[in-house]
Amino acid sequence: MRHVHSRPGADWSVEALAARVALSPSRFAARFREAMGEAVMVYVGRWRANVACHLLRETDLPLGEVAARVRYESVPAFSRAFKAQTGLPPAQWRRAEAAL
């Protein structure tokens, strides 16, 4: 988790994270699920959405820059993933937060 939290925009995969902690990918995935109650990449996606929420709330960065910082190649891909996590597209989420 420390690696994902410190570098949410890195090209994470189960294999890459497992290598960081010297476990096989299958062993790492199983231990992660036992400890966290969800799959590794589900957690990574959720953490990236959390970081994106912070960036959308606290900065005026354009959506493309926010998307790049949390490892999405395009705004449409970021928007789909963000909406899946939060229920709103990023621009709409930002406007709703600004209205609070």
PDB file of N, CA and C in Angstrom:
ATOM      1  N   MET A   1       0.822  -1.186   0.000  1.00  0.00           N
ATOM      2  CA  MET A   1       0.000   0.000   0.000  1.00  0.00           C
ATOM      3  C   MET A   1       0.867   1.251   0.000  1.00  0.00           C
ATOM      4  N   ARG A   2       1.948   1.209   0.712  1.00  0.00           N
ATOM      5  CA  ARG A   2       2.840   2.367   0.771  1.00  0.00           C
ATOM      6  C   ARG A   2       3.305   2.766  -0.630  1.00  0.00           C
ATOM      7  N   HIS A   3       3.617   1.792  -1.459  1.00  0.00           N
ATOM      8  CA  HIS A   3       4.079   2.087  -2.822  1.00  0.00           C
ATOM      9  C   HIS A   3       2.975   2.742  -3.634  1.00  0.00           C
ATOM     10  N   VAL A   4       1.777   2.211  -3.559  1.00  0.00           N
ATOM     11  CA  VAL A   4       0.640   2.760  -4.307  1.00  0.00           C
ATOM     12  C   VAL A   4       0.328   4.164  -3.811  1.00  0.00           C
ATOM     13  N   HIS A   5       0.344   4.365  -2.513  1.00  0.00           N
ATOM     14  CA  HIS A   5       0.031   5.676  -1.953  1.00  0.00           C
ATOM     15  C   HIS A   5       1.076   6.716  -2.331  1.00  0.00           C
ATOM     16  N   SER A   6       2.326   6.332  -2.347  1.00  0.00           N
ATOM     17  CA  SER A   6       3.377   7.304  -2.640  1.00  0.00           C
ATOM     18  C   SER A   6       3.497   7.608  -4.133  1.00  0.00           C
ATOM     19  N   ARG A   7       3.051   6.685  -4.978  1.00  0.00           N
ATOM     20  CA  ARG A   7       3.161   6.890  -6.431  1.00  0.00           C
ATOM     21  C   ARG A   7       1.892   6.406  -7.133  1.00  0.00           C
ATOM     22  N   PRO A   8       0.766   7.083  -6.941  1.00  0.00           N
ATOM     23  CA  PRO A   8      -0.490   6.614  -7.536  1.00  0.00           C
ATOM     24  C   PRO A   8      -0.475   6.610  -9.054  1.00  0.00           C
ATOM     25  N   GLY A   9       0.388   7.397  -9.658  1.00  0.00           N
ATOM     26  CA  GLY A   9       0.454   7.455 -11.109  1.00  0.00           C
ATOM     27  C   GLY A   9       1.418   6.467 -11.732  1.00  0.00           C
ATOM     28  N   ALA A  10       2.036   5.622 -10.920  1.00  0.00           N
ATOM     29  CA  ALA A  10       2.964   4.619 -11.465  1.00  0.00           C
ATOM     30  C   ALA A  10       2.193   3.545 -12.218  1.00  0.00           C
ATOM     31  N   ASP A  11       2.888   2.828 -13.039  1.00  0.00           N
ATOM     32  CA  ASP A  11       2.285   1.765 -13.850  1.00  0.00           C
ATOM     33  C   ASP A  11       2.170   0.489 -13.014  1.00  0.00           C
ATOM     34  N   TRP A  12       1.267   0.497 -12.032  1.00  0.00           N
ATOM     35  CA  TRP A  12       1.146  -0.624 -11.123  1.00  0.00           C
ATOM     36  C   TRP A  12       0.419  -1.798 -11.747  1.00  0.00           C
ATOM     37  N   SER A  13       0.882  -2.960 -11.380  1.00  0.00           N
ATOM     38  CA  SER A  13       0.230  -4.229 -11.706  1.00  0.00           C
ATOM     39  C   SER A  13       0.452  -5.134 -10.503  1.00  0.00           C
ATOM     40  N   VAL A  14      -0.264  -6.222 -10.456  1.00  0.00           N
ATOM     41  CA  VAL A  14      -0.048  -7.178  -9.367  1.00  0.00           C
ATOM     42  C   VAL A  14       1.408  -7.646  -9.393  1.00  0.00           C
ATOM     43  N   GLU A  15       1.910  -7.901 -10.574  1.00  0.00           N
ATOM     44  CA  GLU A  15       3.291  -8.383 -10.711  1.00  0.00           C
ATOM     45  C   GLU A  15       4.297  -7.357 -10.191  1.00  0.00           C
ATOM     46  N   ALA A  16       4.103  -6.094 -10.555  1.00  0.00           N
ATOM     47  CA  ALA A  16       5.038  -5.045 -10.134  1.00  0.00           C
ATOM     48  C   ALA A  16       5.000  -4.855  -8.621  1.00  0.00           C
ATOM     49  N   LEU A  17       3.824  -4.860  -8.051  1.00  0.00           N
ATOM     50  CA  LEU A  17       3.717  -4.696  -6.598  1.00  0.00           C
ATOM     51  C   LEU A  17       4.268  -5.911  -5.858  1.00  0.00           C
ATOM     52  N   ALA A  18       3.996  -7.099  -6.379  1.00  0.00           N
ATOM     53  CA  ALA A  18       4.522  -8.316  -5.752  1.00  0.00           C
ATOM     54  C   ALA A  18       6.051  -8.308  -5.745  1.00  0.00           C
ATOM     55  N   ALA A  19       6.641  -7.857  -6.834  1.00  0.00           N
ATOM     56  CA  ALA A  19       8.101  -7.791  -6.911  1.00  0.00           C
ATOM     57  C   ALA A  19       8.666  -6.839  -5.857  1.00  0.00           C
ATOM     58  N   ARG A  20       7.940  -5.771  -5.562  1.00  0.00           N
ATOM     59  CA  ARG A  20       8.392  -4.799  -4.561  1.00  0.00           C
ATOM     60  C   ARG A  20       8.469  -5.404  -3.167  1.00  0.00           C
ATOM     61  N   VAL A  21       7.656  -6.408  -2.897  1.00  0.00           N
ATOM     62  CA  VAL A  21       7.637  -7.013  -1.565  1.00  0.00           C
ATOM     63  C   VAL A  21       8.152  -8.453  -1.575  1.00  0.00           C
ATOM     64  N   ALA A  22       8.796  -8.826  -2.664  1.00  0.00           N
ATOM     65  CA  ALA A  22       9.458 -10.131  -2.794  1.00  0.00           C
ATOM     66  C   ALA A  22       8.514 -11.316  -2.583  1.00  0.00           C
ATOM     67  N   LEU A  23       7.328 -11.237  -3.210  1.00  0.00           N
ATOM     68  CA  LEU A  23       6.384 -12.353  -3.193  1.00  0.00           C
ATOM     69  C   LEU A  23       6.012 -12.699  -4.624  1.00  0.00           C
ATOM     70  N   SER A  24       5.542 -13.913  -4.807  1.00  0.00           N
ATOM     71  CA  SER A  24       5.019 -14.259  -6.125  1.00  0.00           C
ATOM     72  C   SER A  24       3.722 -13.477  -6.322  1.00  0.00           C
ATOM     73  N   PRO A  25       3.351 -13.187  -7.566  1.00  0.00           N
ATOM     74  CA  PRO A  25       2.109 -12.450  -7.800  1.00  0.00           C
ATOM     75  C   PRO A  25       0.879 -13.134  -7.200  1.00  0.00           C
ATOM     76  N   SER A  26       0.806 -14.451  -7.307  1.00  0.00           N
ATOM     77  CA  SER A  26      -0.373 -15.134  -6.766  1.00  0.00           C
ATOM     78  C   SER A  26      -0.401 -15.067  -5.239  1.00  0.00           C
ATOM     79  N   ARG A  27       0.733 -15.225  -4.613  1.00  0.00           N
ATOM     80  CA  ARG A  27       0.808 -15.146  -3.145  1.00  0.00           C
ATOM     81  C   ARG A  27       0.486 -13.729  -2.666  1.00  0.00           C
ATOM     82  N   PHE A  28       1.061 -12.747  -3.357  1.00  0.00           N
ATOM     83  CA  PHE A  28       0.799 -11.357  -3.004  1.00  0.00           C
ATOM     84  C   PHE A  28      -0.688 -11.032  -3.139  1.00  0.00           C
ATOM     85  N   ALA A  29      -1.288 -11.422  -4.262  1.00  0.00           N
ATOM     86  CA  ALA A  29      -2.703 -11.146  -4.498  1.00  0.00           C
ATOM     87  C   ALA A  29      -3.575 -11.788  -3.418  1.00  0.00           C
ATOM     88  N   ALA A  30      -3.245 -13.015  -3.050  1.00  0.00           N
ATOM     89  CA  ALA A  30      -4.023 -13.707  -2.014  1.00  0.00           C
ATOM     90  C   ALA A  30      -3.869 -13.020  -0.660  1.00  0.00           C
ATOM     91  N   ARG A  31      -2.661 -12.679  -0.296  1.00  0.00           N
ATOM     92  CA  ARG A  31      -2.435 -12.001   0.993  1.00  0.00           C
ATOM     93  C   ARG A  31      -3.086 -10.622   1.023  1.00  0.00           C
ATOM     94  N   PHE A  32      -3.004  -9.925  -0.089  1.00  0.00           N
ATOM     95  CA  PHE A  32      -3.616  -8.600  -0.143  1.00  0.00           C
ATOM     96  C   PHE A  32      -5.125  -8.710   0.042  1.00  0.00           C
ATOM     97  N   ARG A  33      -5.737  -9.650  -0.650  1.00  0.00           N
ATOM     98  CA  ARG A  33      -7.187  -9.837  -0.540  1.00  0.00           C
ATOM     99  C   ARG A  33      -7.574 -10.218   0.898  1.00  0.00           C
ATOM    100  N   GLU A  34      -6.793 -11.079   1.526  1.00  0.00           N
ATOM    101  CA  GLU A  34      -7.066 -11.462   2.914  1.00  0.00           C
ATOM    102  C   GLU A  34      -6.993 -10.248   3.843  1.00  0.00           C
ATOM    103  N   ALA A  35      -5.976  -9.427   3.648  1.00  0.00           N
ATOM    104  CA  ALA A  35      -5.761  -8.281   4.537  1.00  0.00           C
ATOM    105  C   ALA A  35      -6.721  -7.129   4.262  1.00  0.00           C
ATOM    106  N   MET A  36      -7.015  -6.882   2.978  1.00  0.00           N
ATOM    107  CA  MET A  36      -7.772  -5.692   2.610  1.00  0.00           C
ATOM    108  C   MET A  36      -9.222  -5.974   2.225  1.00  0.00           C
ATOM    109  N   GLY A  37      -9.538  -7.232   1.958  1.00  0.00           N
ATOM    110  CA  GLY A  37     -10.904  -7.574   1.594  1.00  0.00           C
ATOM    111  C   GLY A  37     -11.283  -7.227   0.169  1.00  0.00           C
ATOM    112  N   GLU A  38     -10.295  -6.913  -0.655  1.00  0.00           N
ATOM    113  CA  GLU A  38     -10.551  -6.617  -2.062  1.00  0.00           C
ATOM    114  C   GLU A  38      -9.303  -6.922  -2.877  1.00  0.00           C
ATOM    115  N   ALA A  39      -9.485  -7.034  -4.176  1.00  0.00           N
ATOM    116  CA  ALA A  39      -8.368  -7.325  -5.074  1.00  0.00           C
ATOM    117  C   ALA A  39      -7.415  -6.135  -5.147  1.00  0.00           C
ATOM    118  N   VAL A  40      -6.176  -6.434  -5.449  1.00  0.00           N
ATOM    119  CA  VAL A  40      -5.127  -5.413  -5.522  1.00  0.00           C
ATOM    120  C   VAL A  40      -5.521  -4.287  -6.467  1.00  0.00           C
ATOM    121  N   MET A  41      -5.895  -4.621  -7.685  1.00  0.00           N
ATOM    122  CA  MET A  41      -6.147  -3.587  -8.675  1.00  0.00           C
ATOM    123  C   MET A  41      -7.441  -2.822  -8.394  1.00  0.00           C
ATOM    124  N   VAL A  42      -8.367  -3.418  -7.681  1.00  0.00           N
ATOM    125  CA  VAL A  42      -9.557  -2.675  -7.234  1.00  0.00           C
ATOM    126  C   VAL A  42      -9.108  -1.600  -6.254  1.00  0.00           C
ATOM    127  N   TYR A  43      -8.224  -1.966  -5.344  1.00  0.00           N
ATOM    128  CA  TYR A  43      -7.693  -1.000  -4.386  1.00  0.00           C
ATOM    129  C   TYR A  43      -6.931   0.116  -5.104  1.00  0.00           C
ATOM    130  N   VAL A  44      -6.095  -0.251  -6.062  1.00  0.00           N
ATOM    131  CA  VAL A  44      -5.324   0.752  -6.807  1.00  0.00           C
ATOM    132  C   VAL A  44      -6.279   1.729  -7.493  1.00  0.00           C
ATOM    133  N   GLY A  45      -7.316   1.223  -8.130  1.00  0.00           N
ATOM    134  CA  GLY A  45      -8.286   2.093  -8.795  1.00  0.00           C
ATOM    135  C   GLY A  45      -8.996   3.011  -7.820  1.00  0.00           C
ATOM    136  N   ARG A  46      -9.357   2.478  -6.665  1.00  0.00           N
ATOM    137  CA  ARG A  46     -10.021   3.276  -5.645  1.00  0.00           C
ATOM    138  C   ARG A  46      -9.092   4.357  -5.101  1.00  0.00           C
ATOM    139  N   TRP A  47      -7.829   4.006  -4.891  1.00  0.00           N
ATOM    140  CA  TRP A  47      -6.867   4.999  -4.396  1.00  0.00           C
ATOM    141  C   TRP A  47      -6.639   6.087  -5.439  1.00  0.00           C
ATOM    142  N   ARG A  48      -6.532   5.714  -6.701  1.00  0.00           N
ATOM    143  CA  ARG A  48      -6.351   6.714  -7.755  1.00  0.00           C
ATOM    144  C   ARG A  48      -7.547   7.665  -7.806  1.00  0.00           C
ATOM    145  N   ALA A  49      -8.749   7.139  -7.634  1.00  0.00           N
ATOM    146  CA  ALA A  49      -9.940   8.003  -7.610  1.00  0.00           C
ATOM    147  C   ALA A  49      -9.871   8.954  -6.424  1.00  0.00           C
ATOM    148  N   ASN A  50      -9.395   8.468  -5.285  1.00  0.00           N
ATOM    149  CA  ASN A  50      -9.241   9.305  -4.095  1.00  0.00           C
ATOM    150  C   ASN A  50      -8.253  10.448  -4.363  1.00  0.00           C
ATOM    151  N   VAL A  51      -7.140  10.125  -4.980  1.00  0.00           N
ATOM    152  CA  VAL A  51      -6.141  11.150  -5.305  1.00  0.00           C
ATOM    153  C   VAL A  51      -6.731  12.139  -6.313  1.00  0.00           C
ATOM    154  N   ALA A  52      -7.452  11.633  -7.301  1.00  0.00           N
ATOM    155  CA  ALA A  52      -8.081  12.510  -8.285  1.00  0.00           C
ATOM    156  C   ALA A  52      -9.081  13.443  -7.620  1.00  0.00           C
ATOM    157  N   CYS A  53      -9.856  12.943  -6.679  1.00  0.00           N
ATOM    158  CA  CYS A  53     -10.798  13.799  -5.938  1.00  0.00           C
ATOM    159  C   CYS A  53     -10.061  14.936  -5.246  1.00  0.00           C
ATOM    160  N   HIS A  54      -8.963  14.606  -4.611  1.00  0.00           N
ATOM    161  CA  HIS A  54      -8.171  15.642  -3.943  1.00  0.00           C
ATOM    162  C   HIS A  54      -7.685  16.684  -4.948  1.00  0.00           C
ATOM    163  N   LEU A  55      -7.157  16.239  -6.077  1.00  0.00           N
ATOM    164  CA  LEU A  55      -6.656  17.169  -7.094  1.00  0.00           C
ATOM    165  C   LEU A  55      -7.776  18.021  -7.668  1.00  0.00           C
ATOM    166  N   LEU A  56      -8.926  17.420  -7.895  1.00  0.00           N
ATOM    167  CA  LEU A  56     -10.062  18.173  -8.437  1.00  0.00           C
ATOM    168  C   LEU A  56     -10.573  19.209  -7.443  1.00  0.00           C
ATOM    169  N   ARG A  57     -10.551  18.860  -6.175  1.00  0.00           N
ATOM    170  CA  ARG A  57     -11.050  19.760  -5.131  1.00  0.00           C
ATOM    171  C   ARG A  57     -10.052  20.873  -4.814  1.00  0.00           C
ATOM    172  N   GLU A  58      -8.778  20.530  -4.761  1.00  0.00           N
ATOM    173  CA  GLU A  58      -7.775  21.453  -4.230  1.00  0.00           C
ATOM    174  C   GLU A  58      -6.978  22.218  -5.283  1.00  0.00           C
ATOM    175  N   THR A  59      -7.137  21.876  -6.559  1.00  0.00           N
ATOM    176  CA  THR A  59      -6.369  22.560  -7.605  1.00  0.00           C
ATOM    177  C   THR A  59      -7.299  22.960  -8.744  1.00  0.00           C
ATOM    178  N   ASP A  60      -6.754  23.759  -9.638  1.00  0.00           N
ATOM    179  CA  ASP A  60      -7.456  24.124 -10.870  1.00  0.00           C
ATOM    180  C   ASP A  60      -6.865  23.403 -12.068  1.00  0.00           C
ATOM    181  N   LEU A  61      -6.175  22.297 -11.818  1.00  0.00           N
ATOM    182  CA  LEU A  61      -5.559  21.558 -12.920  1.00  0.00           C
ATOM    183  C   LEU A  61      -6.619  21.131 -13.925  1.00  0.00           C
ATOM    184  N   PRO A  62      -6.294  21.196 -15.216  1.00  0.00           N
ATOM    185  CA  PRO A  62      -7.236  20.687 -16.212  1.00  0.00           C
ATOM    186  C   PRO A  62      -7.415  19.174 -16.054  1.00  0.00           C
ATOM    187  N   LEU A  63      -8.538  18.675 -16.531  1.00  0.00           N
ATOM    188  CA  LEU A  63      -8.825  17.242 -16.392  1.00  0.00           C
ATOM    189  C   LEU A  63      -7.732  16.367 -16.987  1.00  0.00           C
ATOM    190  N   GLY A  64      -7.152  16.783 -18.096  1.00  0.00           N
ATOM    191  CA  GLY A  64      -6.080  15.999 -18.712  1.00  0.00           C
ATOM    192  C   GLY A  64      -4.880  15.832 -17.799  1.00  0.00           C
ATOM    193  N   GLU A  65      -4.548  16.882 -17.058  1.00  0.00           N
ATOM    194  CA  GLU A  65      -3.423  16.806 -16.118  1.00  0.00           C
ATOM    195  C   GLU A  65      -3.768  15.929 -14.923  1.00  0.00           C
ATOM    196  N   VAL A  66      -4.971  16.058 -14.405  1.00  0.00           N
ATOM    197  CA  VAL A  66      -5.406  15.192 -13.303  1.00  0.00           C
ATOM    198  C   VAL A  66      -5.354  13.738 -13.768  1.00  0.00           C
ATOM    199  N   ALA A  67      -5.881  13.475 -14.952  1.00  0.00           N
ATOM    200  CA  ALA A  67      -5.875  12.113 -15.501  1.00  0.00           C
ATOM    201  C   ALA A  67      -4.454  11.567 -15.600  1.00  0.00           C
ATOM    202  N   ALA A  68      -3.541  12.371 -16.099  1.00  0.00           N
ATOM    203  CA  ALA A  68      -2.148  11.927 -16.245  1.00  0.00           C
ATOM    204  C   ALA A  68      -1.505  11.637 -14.897  1.00  0.00           C
ATOM    205  N   ARG A  69      -1.811  12.432 -13.898  1.00  0.00           N
ATOM    206  CA  ARG A  69      -1.210  12.238 -12.570  1.00  0.00           C
ATOM    207  C   ARG A  69      -1.674  10.954 -11.893  1.00  0.00           C
ATOM    208  N   VAL A  70      -2.827  10.455 -12.285  1.00  0.00           N
ATOM    209  CA  VAL A  70      -3.311   9.206 -11.697  1.00  0.00           C
ATOM    210  C   VAL A  70      -3.296   8.061 -12.712  1.00  0.00           C
ATOM    211  N   ARG A  71      -2.471   8.203 -13.731  1.00  0.00           N
ATOM    212  CA  ARG A  71      -2.122   7.150 -14.682  1.00  0.00           C
ATOM    213  C   ARG A  71      -3.211   6.766 -15.682  1.00  0.00           C
ATOM    214  N   TYR A  72      -3.879   7.749 -16.227  1.00  0.00           N
ATOM    215  CA  TYR A  72      -4.808   7.477 -17.316  1.00  0.00           C
ATOM    216  C   TYR A  72      -4.277   8.135 -18.571  1.00  0.00           C
ATOM    217  N   GLU A  73      -4.326   7.409 -19.668  1.00  0.00           N
ATOM    218  CA  GLU A  73      -3.779   7.876 -20.933  1.00  0.00           C
ATOM    219  C   GLU A  73      -4.656   8.930 -21.594  1.00  0.00           C
ATOM    220  N   SER A  74      -5.943   8.927 -21.264  1.00  0.00           N
ATOM    221  CA  SER A  74      -6.854   9.871 -21.911  1.00  0.00           C
ATOM    222  C   SER A  74      -7.906  10.346 -20.919  1.00  0.00           C
ATOM    223  N   VAL A  75      -8.478  11.497 -21.216  1.00  0.00           N
ATOM    224  CA  VAL A  75      -9.549  12.025 -20.375  1.00  0.00           C
ATOM    225  C   VAL A  75     -10.772  11.113 -20.416  1.00  0.00           C
ATOM    226  N   PRO A  76     -11.161  10.585 -21.593  1.00  0.00           N
ATOM    227  CA  PRO A  76     -12.325   9.683 -21.585  1.00  0.00           C
ATOM    228  C   PRO A  76     -12.127   8.439 -20.707  1.00  0.00           C
ATOM    229  N   ALA A  77     -10.945   7.842 -20.750  1.00  0.00           N
ATOM    230  CA  ALA A  77     -10.678   6.664 -19.908  1.00  0.00           C
ATOM    231  C   ALA A  77     -10.724   7.058 -18.431  1.00  0.00           C
ATOM    232  N   PHE A  78     -10.131   8.193 -18.105  1.00  0.00           N
ATOM    233  CA  PHE A  78     -10.177   8.695 -16.736  1.00  0.00           C
ATOM    234  C   PHE A  78     -11.614   8.963 -16.308  1.00  0.00           C
ATOM    235  N   SER A  79     -12.374   9.605 -17.157  1.00  0.00           N
ATOM    236  CA  SER A  79     -13.766   9.927 -16.825  1.00  0.00           C
ATOM    237  C   SER A  79     -14.586   8.678 -16.545  1.00  0.00           C
ATOM    238  N   ARG A  80     -14.412   7.647 -17.357  1.00  0.00           N
ATOM    239  CA  ARG A  80     -15.147   6.385 -17.139  1.00  0.00           C
ATOM    240  C   ARG A  80     -14.767   5.758 -15.799  1.00  0.00           C
ATOM    241  N   ALA A  81     -13.478   5.691 -15.521  1.00  0.00           N
ATOM    242  CA  ALA A  81     -13.016   5.078 -14.275  1.00  0.00           C
ATOM    243  C   ALA A  81     -13.447   5.915 -13.071  1.00  0.00           C
ATOM    244  N   PHE A  82     -13.343   7.224 -13.181  1.00  0.00           N
ATOM    245  CA  PHE A  82     -13.721   8.110 -12.086  1.00  0.00           C
ATOM    246  C   PHE A  82     -15.213   7.986 -11.797  1.00  0.00           C
ATOM    247  N   LYS A  83     -16.018   7.983 -12.840  1.00  0.00           N
ATOM    248  CA  LYS A  83     -17.465   7.865 -12.661  1.00  0.00           C
ATOM    249  C   LYS A  83     -17.832   6.519 -12.042  1.00  0.00           C
ATOM    250  N   ALA A  84     -17.138   5.471 -12.423  1.00  0.00           N
ATOM    251  CA  ALA A  84     -17.393   4.148 -11.840  1.00  0.00           C
ATOM    252  C   ALA A  84     -17.122   4.152 -10.340  1.00  0.00           C
ATOM    253  N   GLN A  85     -16.137   4.936  -9.915  1.00  0.00           N
ATOM    254  CA  GLN A  85     -15.774   4.988  -8.496  1.00  0.00           C
ATOM    255  C   GLN A  85     -16.650   5.948  -7.690  1.00  0.00           C
ATOM    256  N   THR A  86     -17.020   7.084  -8.293  1.00  0.00           N
ATOM    257  CA  THR A  86     -17.687   8.139  -7.524  1.00  0.00           C
ATOM    258  C   THR A  86     -19.154   8.349  -7.887  1.00  0.00           C
ATOM    259  N   GLY A  87     -19.552   7.852  -9.043  1.00  0.00           N
ATOM    260  CA  GLY A  87     -20.925   8.051  -9.493  1.00  0.00           C
ATOM    261  C   GLY A  87     -21.126   9.285 -10.355  1.00  0.00           C
ATOM    262  N   LEU A  88     -20.091  10.123 -10.464  1.00  0.00           N
ATOM    263  CA  LEU A  88     -20.169  11.330 -11.292  1.00  0.00           C
ATOM    264  C   LEU A  88     -18.932  11.448 -12.163  1.00  0.00           C
ATOM    265  N   PRO A  89     -19.067  12.040 -13.354  1.00  0.00           N
ATOM    266  CA  PRO A  89     -17.867  12.347 -14.140  1.00  0.00           C
ATOM    267  C   PRO A  89     -17.038  13.408 -13.413  1.00  0.00           C
ATOM    268  N   PRO A  90     -15.741  13.467 -13.669  1.00  0.00           N
ATOM    269  CA  PRO A  90     -14.872  14.372 -12.916  1.00  0.00           C
ATOM    270  C   PRO A  90     -15.279  15.851 -12.977  1.00  0.00           C
ATOM    271  N   ALA A  91     -15.638  16.362 -14.140  1.00  0.00           N
ATOM    272  CA  ALA A  91     -16.002  17.786 -14.238  1.00  0.00           C
ATOM    273  C   ALA A  91     -17.249  18.072 -13.405  1.00  0.00           C
ATOM    274  N   GLN A  92     -18.210  17.196 -13.457  1.00  0.00           N
ATOM    275  CA  GLN A  92     -19.436  17.381 -12.672  1.00  0.00           C
ATOM    276  C   GLN A  92     -19.137  17.256 -11.177  1.00  0.00           C
ATOM    277  N   TRP A  93     -18.279  16.311 -10.810  1.00  0.00           N
ATOM    278  CA  TRP A  93     -17.889  16.142  -9.411  1.00  0.00           C
ATOM    279  C   TRP A  93     -17.220  17.418  -8.898  1.00  0.00           C
ATOM    280  N   ARG A  94     -16.309  17.974  -9.717  1.00  0.00           N
ATOM    281  CA  ARG A  94     -15.607  19.203  -9.335  1.00  0.00           C
ATOM    282  C   ARG A  94     -16.593  20.346  -9.120  1.00  0.00           C
ATOM    283  N   ARG A  95     -17.547  20.513 -10.021  1.00  0.00           N
ATOM    284  CA  ARG A  95     -18.546  21.582  -9.873  1.00  0.00           C
ATOM    285  C   ARG A  95     -19.379  21.373  -8.602  1.00  0.00           C
ATOM    286  N   ALA A  96     -19.769  20.141  -8.346  1.00  0.00           N
ATOM    287  CA  ALA A  96     -20.559  19.846  -7.152  1.00  0.00           C
ATOM    288  C   ALA A  96     -19.766  20.159  -5.877  1.00  0.00           C
ATOM    289  N   GLU A  97     -18.515  19.828  -5.861  1.00  0.00           N
ATOM    290  CA  GLU A  97     -17.660  20.116  -4.700  1.00  0.00           C
ATOM    291  C   GLU A  97     -17.472  21.613  -4.517  1.00  0.00           C
ATOM    292  N   ALA A  98     -17.327  22.336  -5.614  1.00  0.00           N
ATOM    293  CA  ALA A  98     -17.127  23.782  -5.533  1.00  0.00           C
ATOM    294  C   ALA A  98     -18.374  24.478  -4.990  1.00  0.00           C
ATOM    295  N   ALA A  99     -19.530  23.881  -5.215  1.00  0.00           N
ATOM    296  CA  ALA A  99     -20.797  24.478  -4.763  1.00  0.00           C
ATOM    297  C   ALA A  99     -21.014  24.294  -3.263  1.00  0.00           C
ATOM    298  N   LEU A 100     -20.244  23.395  -2.640  1.00  0.00           N
ATOM    299  CA  LEU A 100     -20.438  23.133  -1.194  1.00  0.00           C
ATOM    300  C   LEU A 100     -19.913  24.246  -0.323  1.00  0.00           C
TER     301      LEU A 100
END
